[in-house]
Protein backbone atom coordinates (compact mmCIF):
# COMPACT_ATOMS: atom_id res chain seq x y z
CA MET A 1 67.77 -34.35 58.55
CA SER A 2 64.31 -33.01 57.91
CA LYS A 3 63.83 -29.30 57.66
CA ARG A 4 61.57 -27.64 60.18
CA PRO A 5 58.47 -26.31 58.41
CA LEU A 6 57.79 -22.63 58.52
CA PRO A 7 54.83 -21.59 60.66
CA LEU A 8 51.70 -21.48 58.58
CA VAL A 9 48.23 -20.40 59.47
CA SER A 10 46.00 -23.38 59.70
CA SER A 11 43.22 -23.58 57.14
CA LYS A 12 40.85 -24.38 60.00
CA MET A 13 41.70 -21.21 61.79
CA PRO A 14 39.16 -18.47 61.15
CA ALA A 15 40.54 -15.29 59.68
CA GLY A 16 39.36 -13.35 62.67
CA ASP A 17 41.21 -15.67 65.07
CA ALA A 18 44.46 -14.95 63.34
CA GLY A 19 44.44 -11.63 65.11
CA ALA A 20 46.56 -8.70 64.16
CA GLY A 21 49.49 -10.84 63.11
CA GLY A 22 47.44 -13.32 61.15
CA GLU A 23 47.92 -11.59 57.82
CA ARG A 24 51.67 -11.36 58.36
CA LEU A 25 51.99 -15.02 59.37
CA PHE A 26 49.92 -16.09 56.39
CA ALA A 27 52.14 -14.04 54.09
CA HIS A 28 55.22 -15.58 55.71
CA GLY A 29 53.84 -19.04 55.15
CA ASP A 30 52.84 -18.17 51.57
CA ALA A 31 56.48 -17.51 50.75
CA ALA A 32 57.40 -20.97 51.97
CA THR A 33 54.60 -22.73 50.08
CA THR A 34 55.64 -21.07 46.79
CA GLY A 35 59.17 -22.36 47.20
CA ARG A 36 60.70 -18.92 47.47
CA ARG A 37 63.48 -18.57 49.99
CA VAL A 38 62.45 -16.58 53.02
CA THR A 39 64.77 -13.61 53.41
CA GLN A 40 65.53 -11.50 56.44
CA ALA A 41 63.36 -8.76 54.97
CA ASP A 42 60.44 -11.20 54.81
CA LYS A 43 61.01 -12.16 58.42
CA ARG A 44 61.14 -8.53 59.45
CA GLY A 45 58.00 -7.92 57.49
CA ALA A 46 56.30 -10.88 59.14
CA GLN A 47 57.33 -9.57 62.54
CA GLY A 48 56.33 -6.04 61.67
CA GLY A 49 59.87 -4.80 61.99
CA PRO A 50 61.55 -2.03 60.02
CA GLY A 51 62.61 -2.77 56.45
CA GLY A 52 60.03 -5.48 55.91
CA ARG A 53 58.56 -5.83 52.43
CA LEU A 54 55.45 -7.80 53.11
CA ASN A 55 53.86 -5.36 55.51
CA VAL A 56 53.72 -2.54 52.95
CA SER A 57 50.18 -1.47 52.41
CA PRO A 58 48.68 -1.50 48.90
CA SER A 59 48.18 2.27 48.98
CA THR A 60 51.87 2.79 49.73
CA ARG A 61 52.84 0.51 46.85
CA ARG A 62 50.55 2.38 44.48
CA GLY A 63 52.08 5.67 45.64
CA SER A 64 55.62 4.41 45.05
CA ARG A 65 54.70 3.08 41.61
CA ARG A 66 53.08 6.40 40.74
CA MET A 67 56.21 8.30 41.81
CA ARG A 68 58.41 6.05 39.67
CA LEU A 69 56.16 6.65 36.67
CA VAL A 70 56.27 10.41 37.24
CA ARG A 71 60.07 10.41 37.48
CA LYS A 72 60.34 8.28 34.34
CA ALA A 73 57.95 10.58 32.47
CA ILE A 74 59.93 13.68 33.50
CA THR A 75 63.19 12.01 32.40
CA HIS A 76 61.77 11.06 29.02
CA LEU A 77 60.37 14.55 28.56
CA LEU A 78 63.79 16.12 29.24
CA VAL A 79 65.45 13.70 26.83
CA VAL A 80 62.93 14.58 24.12
CA ILE A 81 63.42 18.33 24.70
CA VAL A 82 67.24 18.06 24.56
CA GLY A 83 67.01 15.83 21.48
CA LEU A 84 64.79 18.30 19.67
CA ALA A 85 67.10 21.18 20.62
CA MET A 86 70.06 19.29 19.15
CA PHE A 87 68.16 18.33 16.01
CA LEU A 88 66.74 21.82 15.42
CA PRO A 89 69.81 23.32 13.58
CA PHE A 90 70.04 20.26 11.36
CA TYR A 91 66.36 20.53 10.55
CA TRP A 92 66.69 24.21 9.64
CA ILE A 93 69.57 23.42 7.26
CA LEU A 94 67.46 20.74 5.59
CA SER A 95 64.47 23.06 5.35
CA ALA A 96 66.41 26.14 4.24
CA SER A 97 68.17 24.18 1.49
CA VAL A 98 64.86 24.06 -0.42
CA MET A 99 63.76 27.63 0.35
CA THR A 100 63.98 30.74 -1.76
CA TYR A 101 66.56 33.32 -0.72
CA GLU A 102 63.77 35.59 0.59
CA GLU A 103 62.61 32.82 2.91
CA VAL A 104 66.16 32.03 4.05
CA THR A 105 66.81 35.63 5.08
CA ALA A 106 63.33 36.29 6.48
CA ILE A 107 62.97 37.72 9.99
CA PRO A 108 61.58 36.06 12.03
CA PRO A 109 63.06 32.91 10.45
CA LYS A 110 60.83 30.53 8.57
CA TRP A 111 60.89 26.85 9.45
CA MET A 112 59.00 25.50 6.46
CA PRO A 113 59.31 26.48 2.80
CA SER A 114 56.12 27.68 1.18
CA THR A 115 57.05 25.73 -1.97
CA PRO A 116 60.09 23.39 -1.86
CA GLN A 117 62.75 24.55 -4.30
CA TRP A 118 64.31 21.22 -5.22
CA GLY A 119 66.09 22.95 -8.07
CA ASN A 120 68.63 24.34 -5.57
CA TYR A 121 70.33 20.94 -5.49
CA GLY A 122 70.38 20.70 -9.27
CA ALA A 123 71.81 24.21 -9.55
CA VAL A 124 74.68 23.33 -7.21
CA LEU A 125 75.47 20.07 -8.99
CA ARG A 126 75.44 21.76 -12.42
CA ASP A 127 77.49 24.82 -11.43
CA PRO A 128 80.72 24.71 -13.51
CA ASN A 129 82.50 26.96 -11.00
CA VAL A 130 81.97 24.47 -8.18
CA PRO A 131 83.12 20.96 -9.23
CA LEU A 132 81.23 19.21 -6.46
CA PHE A 133 81.57 15.76 -8.00
CA LYS A 134 85.35 16.12 -8.04
CA TYR A 135 85.35 17.09 -4.37
CA PHE A 136 83.20 14.08 -3.55
CA LYS A 137 85.47 11.76 -5.51
CA ASN A 138 88.58 13.04 -3.72
CA SER A 139 86.96 12.82 -0.29
CA PHE A 140 85.67 9.33 -0.98
CA ILE A 141 89.10 8.07 -2.12
CA VAL A 142 90.92 9.64 0.81
CA SER A 143 88.38 8.67 3.49
CA THR A 144 88.04 5.09 2.27
CA ALA A 145 91.78 4.55 1.96
CA VAL A 146 92.49 6.05 5.39
CA THR A 147 89.71 4.02 7.01
CA ALA A 148 90.96 0.75 5.51
CA ALA A 149 94.55 1.50 6.53
CA VAL A 150 93.56 2.47 10.07
CA LEU A 151 91.48 -0.68 10.52
CA LEU A 152 94.40 -2.83 9.38
CA THR A 153 97.14 -1.14 11.38
CA SER A 154 95.04 -0.66 14.52
CA SER A 155 93.80 -4.26 14.60
CA LEU A 156 97.29 -5.68 14.05
CA ALA A 157 98.85 -3.43 16.67
CA GLY A 158 95.99 -4.01 19.09
CA TYR A 159 96.34 -7.77 18.74
CA ALA A 160 100.08 -7.62 19.34
CA LEU A 161 99.73 -5.37 22.39
CA ALA A 162 96.85 -7.38 23.85
CA LYS A 163 97.70 -11.03 23.19
CA LEU A 164 101.38 -11.36 22.33
CA LYS A 165 104.12 -11.28 24.92
CA PHE A 166 107.38 -9.58 23.97
CA PRO A 167 109.91 -7.37 25.76
CA GLY A 168 108.89 -3.72 25.92
CA ARG A 169 105.22 -4.33 25.16
CA ASP A 170 103.99 -2.08 27.96
CA ALA A 171 106.52 0.62 27.02
CA VAL A 172 105.29 0.58 23.42
CA PHE A 173 101.69 0.88 24.58
CA THR A 174 102.59 3.75 26.93
CA PHE A 175 104.42 5.55 24.12
CA THR A 176 101.41 5.05 21.85
CA LEU A 177 99.12 6.60 24.44
CA SER A 178 101.51 9.49 25.03
CA THR A 179 101.29 10.53 21.38
CA MET A 180 97.61 11.31 21.92
CA MET A 181 98.57 14.10 24.33
CA PHE A 182 100.28 16.25 21.68
CA PRO A 183 98.15 18.61 19.58
CA VAL A 184 98.04 17.84 15.90
CA PHE A 185 99.32 21.32 15.05
CA LEU A 186 102.81 20.36 16.25
CA PHE A 187 103.13 17.78 13.47
CA LEU A 188 101.91 19.86 10.52
CA ILE A 189 105.19 21.52 9.54
CA PRO A 190 107.45 18.42 10.06
CA VAL A 191 105.04 16.18 8.13
CA TYR A 192 104.79 18.75 5.35
CA TYR A 193 108.57 18.84 4.85
CA ILE A 194 108.87 15.06 5.11
CA LEU A 195 106.34 14.67 2.29
CA LYS A 196 108.04 17.38 0.28
CA ARG A 197 111.40 15.56 0.60
CA PHE A 198 109.89 12.16 -0.15
CA PRO A 199 112.38 10.38 -2.41
CA LEU A 200 111.57 9.32 -5.97
CA LEU A 201 108.16 11.03 -6.04
CA GLY A 202 107.07 14.30 -7.63
CA GLY A 203 110.38 14.74 -9.48
CA ASN A 204 112.54 14.19 -6.40
CA ASN A 205 115.77 12.26 -6.65
CA LEU A 206 116.90 9.54 -4.27
CA PHE A 207 117.78 12.18 -1.66
CA GLY A 208 114.43 13.97 -1.91
CA MET A 209 115.65 16.99 -3.84
CA GLY A 210 114.52 18.65 -7.06
CA GLY A 211 110.71 18.32 -7.00
CA THR A 212 107.55 18.54 -4.94
CA GLY A 213 107.79 15.03 -3.47
CA ALA A 214 104.48 13.50 -2.41
CA LEU A 215 102.69 16.80 -1.87
CA GLN A 216 100.68 16.96 -5.07
CA SER A 217 99.27 13.46 -4.91
CA TYR A 218 96.84 11.38 -2.88
CA VAL A 219 99.79 10.10 -0.87
CA SER A 220 100.03 13.43 0.93
CA LEU A 221 96.38 13.21 1.99
CA ILE A 222 96.45 9.54 3.04
CA LEU A 223 99.89 8.66 4.38
CA PRO A 224 99.91 10.91 7.52
CA PHE A 225 96.74 9.24 8.83
CA VAL A 226 97.29 5.51 8.23
CA VAL A 227 98.20 4.95 11.90
CA SER A 228 95.87 6.06 14.68
CA ALA A 229 96.91 5.96 18.33
CA TRP A 230 93.29 6.09 19.40
CA GLY A 231 92.46 3.22 17.08
CA ILE A 232 95.26 1.09 18.54
CA PHE A 233 94.03 1.87 22.03
CA LEU A 234 90.45 0.97 21.14
CA MET A 235 91.36 -2.34 19.50
CA ARG A 236 93.79 -3.30 22.25
CA GLN A 237 91.23 -2.67 24.99
CA PHE A 238 88.56 -4.61 23.11
CA MET A 239 90.84 -7.58 22.43
CA MET A 240 91.83 -7.70 26.10
CA THR A 241 88.26 -8.81 26.86
CA ILE A 242 88.56 -11.92 24.65
CA PRO A 243 89.61 -14.98 26.70
CA ASP A 244 93.12 -16.28 26.15
CA GLU A 245 91.76 -19.82 26.15
CA LEU A 246 90.45 -19.29 22.61
CA ILE A 247 93.92 -18.39 21.39
CA ASP A 248 95.51 -21.31 23.26
CA ALA A 249 93.00 -23.72 21.73
CA ALA A 250 93.76 -22.39 18.25
CA ARG A 251 97.49 -22.78 18.84
CA ILE A 252 96.97 -26.38 19.97
CA ASP A 253 95.12 -26.96 16.69
CA GLY A 254 98.20 -25.74 14.83
CA ALA A 255 97.12 -22.19 13.89
CA SER A 256 99.79 -19.54 13.47
CA ASP A 257 99.59 -16.06 14.96
CA LEU A 258 98.44 -14.66 11.64
CA GLY A 259 95.81 -17.40 11.36
CA ILE A 260 94.59 -16.73 14.89
CA PHE A 261 94.38 -13.04 14.09
CA GLY A 262 92.42 -13.57 10.88
CA ARG A 263 90.16 -16.49 11.76
CA VAL A 264 89.67 -16.15 15.52
CA MET A 265 90.14 -12.54 16.55
CA MET A 266 88.76 -10.59 13.61
CA PRO A 267 85.26 -12.17 13.68
CA LEU A 268 85.05 -11.43 17.40
CA VAL A 269 86.02 -7.76 17.15
CA LYS A 270 83.55 -6.70 14.46
CA PRO A 271 81.75 -4.23 16.77
CA ALA A 272 85.04 -2.50 17.61
CA LEU A 273 86.04 -2.44 13.95
CA ALA A 274 82.68 -0.89 13.02
CA THR A 275 83.06 1.75 15.72
CA LEU A 276 86.57 2.58 14.57
CA ALA A 277 85.46 2.66 10.91
CA ILE A 278 82.65 5.12 11.65
CA PHE A 279 84.84 7.50 13.63
CA THR A 280 87.69 7.32 11.14
CA PHE A 281 85.56 7.78 8.02
CA ILE A 282 83.51 10.66 9.41
CA GLY A 283 86.56 12.34 10.93
CA GLN A 284 88.50 12.08 7.70
CA TRP A 285 85.54 13.17 5.58
CA ASN A 286 85.13 16.33 7.65
CA TYR A 287 88.84 17.06 8.19
CA PHE A 288 89.69 20.50 6.90
CA LEU A 289 93.06 21.83 8.05
CA TRP A 290 95.51 19.36 6.51
CA PRO A 291 93.70 19.04 3.13
CA MET A 292 93.58 22.82 2.88
CA ILE A 293 97.35 23.07 3.43
CA VAL A 294 98.21 20.32 0.97
CA THR A 295 95.75 21.21 -1.78
CA THR A 296 96.64 24.89 -1.92
CA SER A 297 99.12 24.05 -4.68
CA ALA A 298 96.99 21.16 -6.02
CA PRO A 299 93.36 22.27 -6.55
CA HIS A 300 92.51 19.03 -8.33
CA LEU A 301 92.90 17.21 -4.97
CA MET A 302 90.52 19.40 -2.99
CA THR A 303 88.15 17.54 -0.71
CA VAL A 304 84.57 18.40 0.26
CA PRO A 305 85.37 20.61 3.31
CA VAL A 306 87.87 22.65 1.30
CA GLY A 307 85.37 22.83 -1.54
CA LEU A 308 82.67 24.07 0.82
CA ARG A 309 84.98 26.87 1.86
CA LEU A 310 85.35 27.87 -1.78
CA MET A 311 81.58 27.64 -2.17
CA GLY A 312 81.20 29.96 0.81
CA THR A 313 83.24 32.52 -1.13
CA ALA A 314 81.40 31.92 -4.40
CA TYR A 315 77.95 31.91 -2.73
CA SER A 316 78.64 34.63 -0.18
CA THR A 317 75.58 36.69 -1.09
CA ALA A 318 72.18 36.00 0.39
CA VAL A 319 70.87 35.25 -3.10
CA ASN A 320 72.96 32.08 -3.15
CA MET A 321 72.66 31.18 0.53
CA ASN A 322 70.09 28.48 -0.20
CA LYS A 323 72.50 26.89 -2.72
CA LEU A 324 75.27 26.87 -0.13
CA LEU A 325 72.95 25.12 2.31
CA ALA A 326 72.00 22.59 -0.37
CA ALA A 327 75.70 21.88 -0.94
CA THR A 328 76.16 21.48 2.82
CA VAL A 329 73.38 18.89 2.97
CA LEU A 330 74.98 16.99 0.11
CA ALA A 331 78.35 17.13 1.88
CA ILE A 332 77.11 15.55 5.10
CA ALA A 333 74.96 12.90 3.39
CA PRO A 334 77.76 10.28 3.04
CA SER A 335 78.66 10.55 6.73
CA VAL A 336 75.05 10.02 7.73
CA CYS A 337 74.77 7.01 5.39
CA VAL A 338 77.89 5.40 6.88
CA PHE A 339 76.61 5.94 10.39
CA LEU A 340 73.20 4.47 9.59
CA ALA A 341 74.75 1.47 7.84
CA LEU A 342 77.02 0.62 10.79
CA GLN A 343 74.82 1.89 13.61
CA ARG A 344 74.03 -1.60 14.89
CA TYR A 345 77.69 -2.52 15.28
CA TYR A 346 78.48 0.96 16.60
CA ILE A 347 76.09 0.64 19.55
CA LYS A 348 77.11 -2.96 20.18
CA GLY A 349 80.76 -1.93 20.29
CA PHE A 350 80.05 0.67 22.91
CA VAL A 351 78.06 -1.79 25.00
CA LEU A 352 80.65 -4.55 24.85
CA SER A 353 83.75 -2.43 25.27
CA GLY A 354 82.32 -0.02 27.83
CA PHE A 355 83.70 3.03 26.01
CA LYS A 356 81.72 6.24 26.18
């Protein structure tokens, strides 16, 4: 069956004879000649009805485009203003870390040093009363170990809860989520006594008596954080988006569950792993409360946040305020480096998983 052609204005017809509706009919026919499907809006436009697109005058289109540009410019301007407001404290810390103490305490505040005092960083690093390198070493060991453990446990648990079928799977997932509702302060005292009664460590016997247990070692800083409920939730939700057909095909090829996890799932969840690694490393690097409790009796295990607190006491006078700011910049530098290194995967993980 042949299709009925759309009404076109004849090329022999003078433009003036087309009358008032000539332009609309020509536009209607132009849509058909270009192969584009004629929509109801085109028909309304051709008939001069409401909602038509083709009967919009050029001046109206220019006005709408101008309004969109104005709205976009205002939005970008607000984003820039908010971004600068958020960056301003960080900039002042960077700038004040190379100022003299007179410039740091000046009123009104100075935003640029007259002459950068780069020696502030050297003075902090060489101060024998503030073993900054030891704090960095402890924080690096603890943060790296916790991050690796969380990635392993969260990915394994997420894979089991997302792709394996076993009795009580939903109950386990619900219990995991419920643990996120309790404040961390409820677990401090029980975890402290569990580590203190840890058997066969720190002079304890088999029943956990006689010594300090795991308190005065890296175990006390790492072990309470090797499992993350939020990490399990993140990995489970991300793995739920991977089609089951990939796993079924791997099983048909003879792969075991561990092989599927290592060779099929792990390459596909790199963005989620990067996101989890960034949050875990930065959170652990900046964590203060638990390291302060544990390292009170073990100063050699102090991490950077606890060390900064001691620096705040040692550099409490305005004379040393610039040194304290220099130490603060050094303390946040590793977190910034980790974020910049994994930023590409971090953004991709948010886009693919839909988490915000």
